[in-house]
Amino acid sequence: IPISVPEALVGATVEVPTLGTPVKLKVPAGAANGQRLRLRGKGIEAKNRPPGDLFVRLEVVLPTGGDERARAEAAAQLEALYEGQVIR
């Protein structure tokens, strides 16, 4: 499911389509691109068994367009959050 950078950073509640009705999913603060979250009992039903789990993969979508200066300022602020972390 696509989420925005702010949703990944601070967490959010997003609506997720399921095989039945859509459900609300809490995205934890600090969520990573590709992270999988489980929705218990929202998967496929098998004969004589309860429904399985549905796994949702998060896709952090970067903004496009807009003011280049504003994007540069936002990138600088995000870069400051990495201070002291080894990411490579």
PDB file of N, CA and C in Angstrom:
ATOM      1  N   ILE A   1       0.854  -1.172   0.000  1.00  0.00           N
ATOM      2  CA  ILE A   1       0.000   0.000   0.000  1.00  0.00           C
ATOM      3  C   ILE A   1       0.897   1.231   0.000  1.00  0.00           C
ATOM      4  N   PRO A   2       0.644   2.213  -0.823  1.00  0.00           N
ATOM      5  CA  PRO A   2       1.479   3.417  -0.845  1.00  0.00           C
ATOM      6  C   PRO A   2       1.201   4.303   0.376  1.00  0.00           C
ATOM      7  N   ILE A   3       2.288   4.816   0.971  1.00  0.00           N
ATOM      8  CA  ILE A   3       2.183   5.787   2.061  1.00  0.00           C
ATOM      9  C   ILE A   3       3.140   6.932   1.775  1.00  0.00           C
ATOM     10  N   SER A   4       2.875   8.076   2.390  1.00  0.00           N
ATOM     11  CA  SER A   4       3.724   9.248   2.185  1.00  0.00           C
ATOM     12  C   SER A   4       4.910   9.215   3.152  1.00  0.00           C
ATOM     13  N   VAL A   5       5.894  10.049   2.907  1.00  0.00           N
ATOM     14  CA  VAL A   5       7.056  10.159   3.793  1.00  0.00           C
ATOM     15  C   VAL A   5       6.620  10.569   5.201  1.00  0.00           C
ATOM     16  N   PRO A   6       5.752  11.584   5.367  1.00  0.00           N
ATOM     17  CA  PRO A   6       5.314  11.923   6.723  1.00  0.00           C
ATOM     18  C   PRO A   6       4.602  10.769   7.432  1.00  0.00           C
ATOM     19  N   GLU A   7       3.797  10.011   6.697  1.00  0.00           N
ATOM     20  CA  GLU A   7       3.129   8.858   7.307  1.00  0.00           C
ATOM     21  C   GLU A   7       4.142   7.832   7.787  1.00  0.00           C
ATOM     22  N   ALA A   8       5.214   7.631   7.022  1.00  0.00           N
ATOM     23  CA  ALA A   8       6.255   6.683   7.420  1.00  0.00           C
ATOM     24  C   ALA A   8       7.044   7.207   8.616  1.00  0.00           C
ATOM     25  N   LEU A   9       7.311   8.492   8.652  1.00  0.00           N
ATOM     26  CA  LEU A   9       8.120   9.068   9.730  1.00  0.00           C
ATOM     27  C   LEU A   9       7.396   9.086  11.079  1.00  0.00           C
ATOM     28  N   VAL A  10       6.177   9.577  11.088  1.00  0.00           N
ATOM     29  CA  VAL A  10       5.481   9.782  12.370  1.00  0.00           C
ATOM     30  C   VAL A  10       4.368   8.782  12.621  1.00  0.00           C
ATOM     31  N   GLY A  11       4.078   7.919  11.652  1.00  0.00           N
ATOM     32  CA  GLY A  11       3.008   6.955  11.807  1.00  0.00           C
ATOM     33  C   GLY A  11       1.687   7.528  11.334  1.00  0.00           C
ATOM     34  N   ALA A  12       0.756   6.647  11.063  1.00  0.00           N
ATOM     35  CA  ALA A  12      -0.559   7.072  10.558  1.00  0.00           C
ATOM     36  C   ALA A  12      -1.518   5.893  10.613  1.00  0.00           C
ATOM     37  N   THR A  13      -2.764   6.194  10.402  1.00  0.00           N
ATOM     38  CA  THR A  13      -3.776   5.157  10.219  1.00  0.00           C
ATOM     39  C   THR A  13      -4.270   5.286   8.791  1.00  0.00           C
ATOM     40  N   VAL A  14      -4.150   4.205   8.029  1.00  0.00           N
ATOM     41  CA  VAL A  14      -4.541   4.227   6.615  1.00  0.00           C
ATOM     42  C   VAL A  14      -5.596   3.157   6.365  1.00  0.00           C
ATOM     43  N   GLU A  15      -6.399   3.374   5.354  1.00  0.00           N
ATOM     44  CA  GLU A  15      -7.412   2.400   4.974  1.00  0.00           C
ATOM     45  C   GLU A  15      -6.822   1.424   3.967  1.00  0.00           C
ATOM     46  N   VAL A  16      -7.035   0.138   4.212  1.00  0.00           N
ATOM     47  CA  VAL A  16      -6.480  -0.911   3.363  1.00  0.00           C
ATOM     48  C   VAL A  16      -7.617  -1.739   2.780  1.00  0.00           C
ATOM     49  N   PRO A  17      -7.630  -1.933   1.458  1.00  0.00           N
ATOM     50  CA  PRO A  17      -8.649  -2.803   0.883  1.00  0.00           C
ATOM     51  C   PRO A  17      -8.352  -4.259   1.252  1.00  0.00           C
ATOM     52  N   THR A  18      -9.397  -5.024   1.521  1.00  0.00           N
ATOM     53  CA  THR A  18      -9.250  -6.450   1.819  1.00  0.00           C
ATOM     54  C   THR A  18     -10.203  -7.218   0.923  1.00  0.00           C
ATOM     55  N   LEU A  19     -10.258  -8.530   1.104  1.00  0.00           N
ATOM     56  CA  LEU A  19     -11.193  -9.340   0.333  1.00  0.00           C
ATOM     57  C   LEU A  19     -12.636  -9.025   0.711  1.00  0.00           C
ATOM     58  N   GLY A  20     -12.836  -8.502   1.920  1.00  0.00           N
ATOM     59  CA  GLY A  20     -14.167  -8.088   2.373  1.00  0.00           C
ATOM     60  C   GLY A  20     -14.254  -6.579   2.333  1.00  0.00           C
ATOM     61  N   THR A  21     -14.535  -6.001   3.478  1.00  0.00           N
ATOM     62  CA  THR A  21     -14.623  -4.544   3.567  1.00  0.00           C
ATOM     63  C   THR A  21     -13.254  -3.965   3.898  1.00  0.00           C
ATOM     64  N   PRO A  22     -12.988  -2.723   3.500  1.00  0.00           N
ATOM     65  CA  PRO A  22     -11.709  -2.092   3.845  1.00  0.00           C
ATOM     66  C   PRO A  22     -11.558  -1.991   5.365  1.00  0.00           C
ATOM     67  N   VAL A  23     -10.308  -2.056   5.839  1.00  0.00           N
ATOM     68  CA  VAL A  23     -10.024  -1.953   7.268  1.00  0.00           C
ATOM     69  C   VAL A  23      -8.991  -0.863   7.501  1.00  0.00           C
ATOM     70  N   LYS A  24      -8.951  -0.374   8.726  1.00  0.00           N
ATOM     71  CA  LYS A  24      -7.964   0.627   9.127  1.00  0.00           C
ATOM     72  C   LYS A  24      -6.716  -0.096   9.608  1.00  0.00           C
ATOM     73  N   LEU A  25      -5.557   0.357   9.184  1.00  0.00           N
ATOM     74  CA  LEU A  25      -4.274  -0.219   9.566  1.00  0.00           C
ATOM     75  C   LEU A  25      -3.418   0.873  10.176  1.00  0.00           C
ATOM     76  N   LYS A  26      -2.848   0.596  11.337  1.00  0.00           N
ATOM     77  CA  LYS A  26      -1.972   1.565  11.988  1.00  0.00           C
ATOM     78  C   LYS A  26      -0.547   1.343  11.486  1.00  0.00           C
ATOM     79  N   VAL A  27      -0.012   2.358  10.818  1.00  0.00           N
ATOM     80  CA  VAL A  27       1.367   2.333  10.349  1.00  0.00           C
ATOM     81  C   VAL A  27       2.225   2.875  11.487  1.00  0.00           C
ATOM     82  N   PRO A  28       3.207   2.101  11.960  1.00  0.00           N
ATOM     83  CA  PRO A  28       4.018   2.570  13.086  1.00  0.00           C
ATOM     84  C   PRO A  28       4.961   3.698  12.672  1.00  0.00           C
ATOM     85  N   ALA A  29       5.295   4.564  13.605  1.00  0.00           N
ATOM     86  CA  ALA A  29       6.280   5.618  13.343  1.00  0.00           C
ATOM     87  C   ALA A  29       7.604   4.955  12.988  1.00  0.00           C
ATOM     88  N   GLY A  30       8.289   5.511  12.005  1.00  0.00           N
ATOM     89  CA  GLY A  30       9.567   4.961  11.568  1.00  0.00           C
ATOM     90  C   GLY A  30       9.425   3.784  10.622  1.00  0.00           C
ATOM     91  N   ALA A  31       8.260   3.634  10.017  1.00  0.00           N
ATOM     92  CA  ALA A  31       8.029   2.530   9.082  1.00  0.00           C
ATOM     93  C   ALA A  31       8.988   2.645   7.903  1.00  0.00           C
ATOM     94  N   ALA A  32       9.433   1.498   7.423  1.00  0.00           N
ATOM     95  CA  ALA A  32      10.400   1.463   6.328  1.00  0.00           C
ATOM     96  C   ALA A  32       9.741   1.021   5.026  1.00  0.00           C
ATOM     97  N   ASN A  33      10.299   1.465   3.918  1.00  0.00           N
ATOM     98  CA  ASN A  33       9.843   1.034   2.610  1.00  0.00           C
ATOM     99  C   ASN A  33      10.013  -0.481   2.519  1.00  0.00           C
ATOM    100  N   GLY A  34       8.988  -1.178   2.068  1.00  0.00           N
ATOM    101  CA  GLY A  34       9.044  -2.624   1.933  1.00  0.00           C
ATOM    102  C   GLY A  34       8.658  -3.381   3.197  1.00  0.00           C
ATOM    103  N   GLN A  35       8.454  -2.677   4.292  1.00  0.00           N
ATOM    104  CA  GLN A  35       8.072  -3.327   5.539  1.00  0.00           C
ATOM    105  C   GLN A  35       6.718  -4.008   5.375  1.00  0.00           C
ATOM    106  N   ARG A  36       6.588  -5.205   5.964  1.00  0.00           N
ATOM    107  CA  ARG A  36       5.329  -5.943   5.888  1.00  0.00           C
ATOM    108  C   ARG A  36       4.605  -5.873   7.225  1.00  0.00           C
ATOM    109  N   LEU A  37       3.311  -5.614   7.153  1.00  0.00           N
ATOM    110  CA  LEU A  37       2.460  -5.593   8.339  1.00  0.00           C
ATOM    111  C   LEU A  37       1.365  -6.637   8.139  1.00  0.00           C
ATOM    112  N   ARG A  38       0.956  -7.281   9.225  1.00  0.00           N
ATOM    113  CA  ARG A  38      -0.026  -8.361   9.138  1.00  0.00           C
ATOM    114  C   ARG A  38      -1.395  -7.912   9.625  1.00  0.00           C
ATOM    115  N   LEU A  39      -2.410  -8.289   8.861  1.00  0.00           N
ATOM    116  CA  LEU A  39      -3.800  -8.111   9.268  1.00  0.00           C
ATOM    117  C   LEU A  39      -4.335  -9.513   9.562  1.00  0.00           C
ATOM    118  N   ARG A  40      -4.451  -9.833  10.830  1.00  0.00           N
ATOM    119  CA  ARG A  40      -4.884 -11.176  11.230  1.00  0.00           C
ATOM    120  C   ARG A  40      -6.332 -11.443  10.819  1.00  0.00           C
ATOM    121  N   GLY A  41      -6.517 -12.623  10.215  1.00  0.00           N
ATOM    122  CA  GLY A  41      -7.862 -13.060   9.867  1.00  0.00           C
ATOM    123  C   GLY A  41      -8.506 -12.338   8.698  1.00  0.00           C
ATOM    124  N   LYS A  42      -7.730 -11.566   7.933  1.00  0.00           N
ATOM    125  CA  LYS A  42      -8.292 -10.814   6.803  1.00  0.00           C
ATOM    126  C   LYS A  42      -7.881 -11.396   5.458  1.00  0.00           C
ATOM    127  N   GLY A  43      -7.284 -12.590   5.478  1.00  0.00           N
ATOM    128  CA  GLY A  43      -6.828 -13.218   4.237  1.00  0.00           C
ATOM    129  C   GLY A  43      -7.861 -14.149   3.644  1.00  0.00           C
ATOM    130  N   ILE A  44      -7.392 -15.098   2.880  1.00  0.00           N
ATOM    131  CA  ILE A  44      -8.256 -16.037   2.161  1.00  0.00           C
ATOM    132  C   ILE A  44      -8.802 -17.094   3.119  1.00  0.00           C
ATOM    133  N   GLU A  45     -10.068 -17.418   2.928  1.00  0.00           N
ATOM    134  CA  GLU A  45     -10.699 -18.470   3.722  1.00  0.00           C
ATOM    135  C   GLU A  45     -10.487 -19.813   3.028  1.00  0.00           C
ATOM    136  N   ALA A  46     -10.185 -20.838   3.821  1.00  0.00           N
ATOM    137  CA  ALA A  46     -10.055 -22.186   3.301  1.00  0.00           C
ATOM    138  C   ALA A  46     -11.212 -23.019   3.857  1.00  0.00           C
ATOM    139  N   LYS A  47     -11.556 -24.072   3.166  1.00  0.00           N
ATOM    140  CA  LYS A  47     -12.670 -24.915   3.593  1.00  0.00           C
ATOM    141  C   LYS A  47     -12.397 -25.474   4.989  1.00  0.00           C
ATOM    142  N   ASN A  48     -13.355 -25.312   5.862  1.00  0.00           N
ATOM    143  CA  ASN A  48     -13.298 -25.821   7.241  1.00  0.00           C
ATOM    144  C   ASN A  48     -12.179 -25.194   8.080  1.00  0.00           C
ATOM    145  N   ARG A  49     -11.700 -24.042   7.683  1.00  0.00           N
ATOM    146  CA  ARG A  49     -10.677 -23.342   8.462  1.00  0.00           C
ATOM    147  C   ARG A  49     -10.996 -21.857   8.504  1.00  0.00           C
ATOM    148  N   PRO A  50     -10.552 -21.201   9.562  1.00  0.00           N
ATOM    149  CA  PRO A  50     -10.774 -19.746   9.621  1.00  0.00           C
ATOM    150  C   PRO A  50      -9.923 -19.035   8.569  1.00  0.00           C
ATOM    151  N   PRO A  51     -10.264 -17.785   8.260  1.00  0.00           N
ATOM    152  CA  PRO A  51      -9.473 -17.041   7.270  1.00  0.00           C
ATOM    153  C   PRO A  51      -8.021 -16.889   7.719  1.00  0.00           C
ATOM    154  N   GLY A  52      -7.146 -16.869   6.750  1.00  0.00           N
ATOM    155  CA  GLY A  52      -5.727 -16.662   7.041  1.00  0.00           C
ATOM    156  C   GLY A  52      -5.434 -15.186   7.244  1.00  0.00           C
ATOM    157  N   ASP A  53      -4.162 -14.870   7.326  1.00  0.00           N
ATOM    158  CA  ASP A  53      -3.733 -13.492   7.527  1.00  0.00           C
ATOM    159  C   ASP A  53      -3.446 -12.824   6.187  1.00  0.00           C
ATOM    160  N   LEU A  54      -3.636 -11.527   6.141  1.00  0.00           N
ATOM    161  CA  LEU A  54      -3.322 -10.725   4.963  1.00  0.00           C
ATOM    162  C   LEU A  54      -2.101  -9.889   5.297  1.00  0.00           C
ATOM    163  N   PHE A  55      -1.085  -9.955   4.456  1.00  0.00           N
ATOM    164  CA  PHE A  55       0.123  -9.160   4.679  1.00  0.00           C
ATOM    165  C   PHE A  55       0.109  -7.959   3.744  1.00  0.00           C
ATOM    166  N   VAL A  56       0.429  -6.808   4.302  1.00  0.00           N
ATOM    167  CA  VAL A  56       0.450  -5.551   3.566  1.00  0.00           C
ATOM    168  C   VAL A  56       1.892  -5.076   3.499  1.00  0.00           C
ATOM    169  N   ARG A  57       2.386  -4.798   2.291  1.00  0.00           N
ATOM    170  CA  ARG A  57       3.741  -4.275   2.125  1.00  0.00           C
ATOM    171  C   ARG A  57       3.650  -2.768   1.925  1.00  0.00           C
ATOM    172  N   LEU A  58       4.412  -2.028   2.726  1.00  0.00           N
ATOM    173  CA  LEU A  58       4.400  -0.566   2.643  1.00  0.00           C
ATOM    174  C   LEU A  58       5.320  -0.086   1.533  1.00  0.00           C
ATOM    175  N   GLU A  59       4.851   0.870   0.777  1.00  0.00           N
ATOM    176  CA  GLU A  59       5.657   1.504  -0.273  1.00  0.00           C
ATOM    177  C   GLU A  59       5.668   3.003   0.006  1.00  0.00           C
ATOM    178  N   VAL A  60       6.811   3.485   0.482  1.00  0.00           N
ATOM    179  CA  VAL A  60       6.947   4.915   0.774  1.00  0.00           C
ATOM    180  C   VAL A  60       7.131   5.638  -0.558  1.00  0.00           C
ATOM    181  N   VAL A  61       6.204   6.536  -0.853  1.00  0.00           N
ATOM    182  CA  VAL A  61       6.209   7.252  -2.128  1.00  0.00           C
ATOM    183  C   VAL A  61       6.770   8.652  -1.909  1.00  0.00           C
ATOM    184  N   LEU A  62       7.803   8.975  -2.667  1.00  0.00           N
ATOM    185  CA  LEU A  62       8.416  10.302  -2.579  1.00  0.00           C
ATOM    186  C   LEU A  62       7.612  11.298  -3.404  1.00  0.00           C
ATOM    187  N   PRO A  63       7.538  12.537  -2.945  1.00  0.00           N
ATOM    188  CA  PRO A  63       6.783  13.534  -3.704  1.00  0.00           C
ATOM    189  C   PRO A  63       7.506  13.898  -5.001  1.00  0.00           C
ATOM    190  N   THR A  64       6.715  14.254  -5.989  1.00  0.00           N
ATOM    191  CA  THR A  64       7.287  14.706  -7.266  1.00  0.00           C
ATOM    192  C   THR A  64       6.760  16.107  -7.538  1.00  0.00           C
ATOM    193  N   GLY A  65       7.458  16.795  -8.394  1.00  0.00           N
ATOM    194  CA  GLY A  65       7.025  18.145  -8.749  1.00  0.00           C
ATOM    195  C   GLY A  65       7.218  19.118  -7.607  1.00  0.00           C
ATOM    196  N   GLY A  66       6.570  20.247  -7.717  1.00  0.00           N
ATOM    197  CA  GLY A  66       6.671  21.249  -6.672  1.00  0.00           C
ATOM    198  C   GLY A  66       7.913  22.105  -6.813  1.00  0.00           C
ATOM    199  N   ASP A  67       8.128  22.923  -5.826  1.00  0.00           N
ATOM    200  CA  ASP A  67       9.220  23.880  -5.796  1.00  0.00           C
ATOM    201  C   ASP A  67      10.545  23.177  -5.468  1.00  0.00           C
ATOM    202  N   GLU A  68      11.541  23.344  -6.329  1.00  0.00           N
ATOM    203  CA  GLU A  68      12.844  22.691  -6.128  1.00  0.00           C
ATOM    204  C   GLU A  68      13.505  23.159  -4.825  1.00  0.00           C
ATOM    205  N   ARG A  69      13.360  24.419  -4.510  1.00  0.00           N
ATOM    206  CA  ARG A  69      13.948  24.964  -3.278  1.00  0.00           C
ATOM    207  C   ARG A  69      13.301  24.332  -2.041  1.00  0.00           C
ATOM    208  N   ALA A  70      11.989  24.172  -2.068  1.00  0.00           N
ATOM    209  CA  ALA A  70      11.279  23.553  -0.946  1.00  0.00           C
ATOM    210  C   ALA A  70      11.699  22.099  -0.773  1.00  0.00           C
ATOM    211  N   ARG A  71      11.893  21.375  -1.899  1.00  0.00           N
ATOM    212  CA  ARG A  71      12.358  19.987  -1.818  1.00  0.00           C
ATOM    213  C   ARG A  71      13.756  19.920  -1.236  1.00  0.00           C
ATOM    214  N   ALA A  72      14.627  20.848  -1.622  1.00  0.00           N
ATOM    215  CA  ALA A  72      15.994  20.876  -1.104  1.00  0.00           C
ATOM    216  C   ALA A  72      16.006  21.150   0.402  1.00  0.00           C
ATOM    217  N   GLU A  73      15.157  22.069   0.848  1.00  0.00           N
ATOM    218  CA  GLU A  73      15.069  22.364   2.284  1.00  0.00           C
ATOM    219  C   GLU A  73      14.548  21.158   3.059  1.00  0.00           C
ATOM    220  N   ALA A  74      13.533  20.483   2.525  1.00  0.00           N
ATOM    221  CA  ALA A  74      12.982  19.294   3.178  1.00  0.00           C
ATOM    222  C   ALA A  74      14.035  18.191   3.242  1.00  0.00           C
ATOM    223  N   ALA A  75      14.804  18.031   2.157  1.00  0.00           N
ATOM    224  CA  ALA A  75      15.858  17.012   2.138  1.00  0.00           C
ATOM    225  C   ALA A  75      16.927  17.322   3.181  1.00  0.00           C
ATOM    226  N   ALA A  76      17.277  18.590   3.342  1.00  0.00           N
ATOM    227  CA  ALA A  76      18.273  18.971   4.341  1.00  0.00           C
ATOM    228  C   ALA A  76      17.771  18.685   5.752  1.00  0.00           C
ATOM    229  N   GLN A  77      16.500  18.951   6.002  1.00  0.00           N
ATOM    230  CA  GLN A  77      15.929  18.661   7.318  1.00  0.00           C
ATOM    231  C   GLN A  77      15.898  17.158   7.585  1.00  0.00           C
ATOM    232  N   LEU A  78      15.560  16.370   6.577  1.00  0.00           N
ATOM    233  CA  LEU A  78      15.569  14.914   6.737  1.00  0.00           C
ATOM    234  C   LEU A  78      16.987  14.403   6.962  1.00  0.00           C
ATOM    235  N   GLU A  79      17.936  14.955   6.244  1.00  0.00           N
ATOM    236  CA  GLU A  79      19.336  14.544   6.386  1.00  0.00           C
ATOM    237  C   GLU A  79      19.808  14.744   7.817  1.00  0.00           C
ATOM    238  N   ALA A  80      19.369  15.816   8.466  1.00  0.00           N
ATOM    239  CA  ALA A  80      19.757  16.092   9.846  1.00  0.00           C
ATOM    240  C   ALA A  80      19.273  14.989  10.792  1.00  0.00           C
ATOM    241  N   LEU A  81      18.180  14.325  10.458  1.00  0.00           N
ATOM    242  CA  LEU A  81      17.664  13.235  11.292  1.00  0.00           C
ATOM    243  C   LEU A  81      18.577  12.016  11.281  1.00  0.00           C
ATOM    244  N   TYR A  82      19.403  11.886  10.259  1.00  0.00           N
ATOM    245  CA  TYR A  82      20.307  10.744  10.144  1.00  0.00           C
ATOM    246  C   TYR A  82      21.597  10.917  10.948  1.00  0.00           C
ATOM    247  N   GLU A  83      21.787  12.059  11.545  1.00  0.00           N
ATOM    248  CA  GLU A  83      23.031  12.356  12.255  1.00  0.00           C
ATOM    249  C   GLU A  83      23.364  11.235  13.257  1.00  0.00           C
ATOM    250  N   GLY A  84      24.575  10.719  13.130  1.00  0.00           N
ATOM    251  CA  GLY A  84      25.039   9.673  14.032  1.00  0.00           C
ATOM    252  C   GLY A  84      24.640   8.263  13.632  1.00  0.00           C
ATOM    253  N   GLN A  85      23.849   8.120  12.582  1.00  0.00           N
ATOM    254  CA  GLN A  85      23.433   6.782  12.127  1.00  0.00           C
ATOM    255  C   GLN A  85      24.272   6.337  10.941  1.00  0.00           C
ATOM    256  N   VAL A  86      24.636   5.093  10.920  1.00  0.00           N
ATOM    257  CA  VAL A  86      25.333   4.529   9.768  1.00  0.00           C
ATOM    258  C   VAL A  86      24.279   3.905   8.872  1.00  0.00           C
ATOM    259  N   ILE A  87      24.177   4.389   7.639  1.00  0.00           N
ATOM    260  CA  ILE A  87      23.142   3.883   6.737  1.00  0.00           C
ATOM    261  C   ILE A  87      23.711   3.137   5.548  1.00  0.00           C
ATOM    262  N   ARG A  88      24.991   3.010   5.461  1.00  0.00           N
ATOM    263  CA  ARG A  88      25.584   2.277   4.338  1.00  0.00           C
ATOM    264  C   ARG A  88      26.307   1.072   4.805  1.00  0.00           C
TER     265      ARG A  88
END
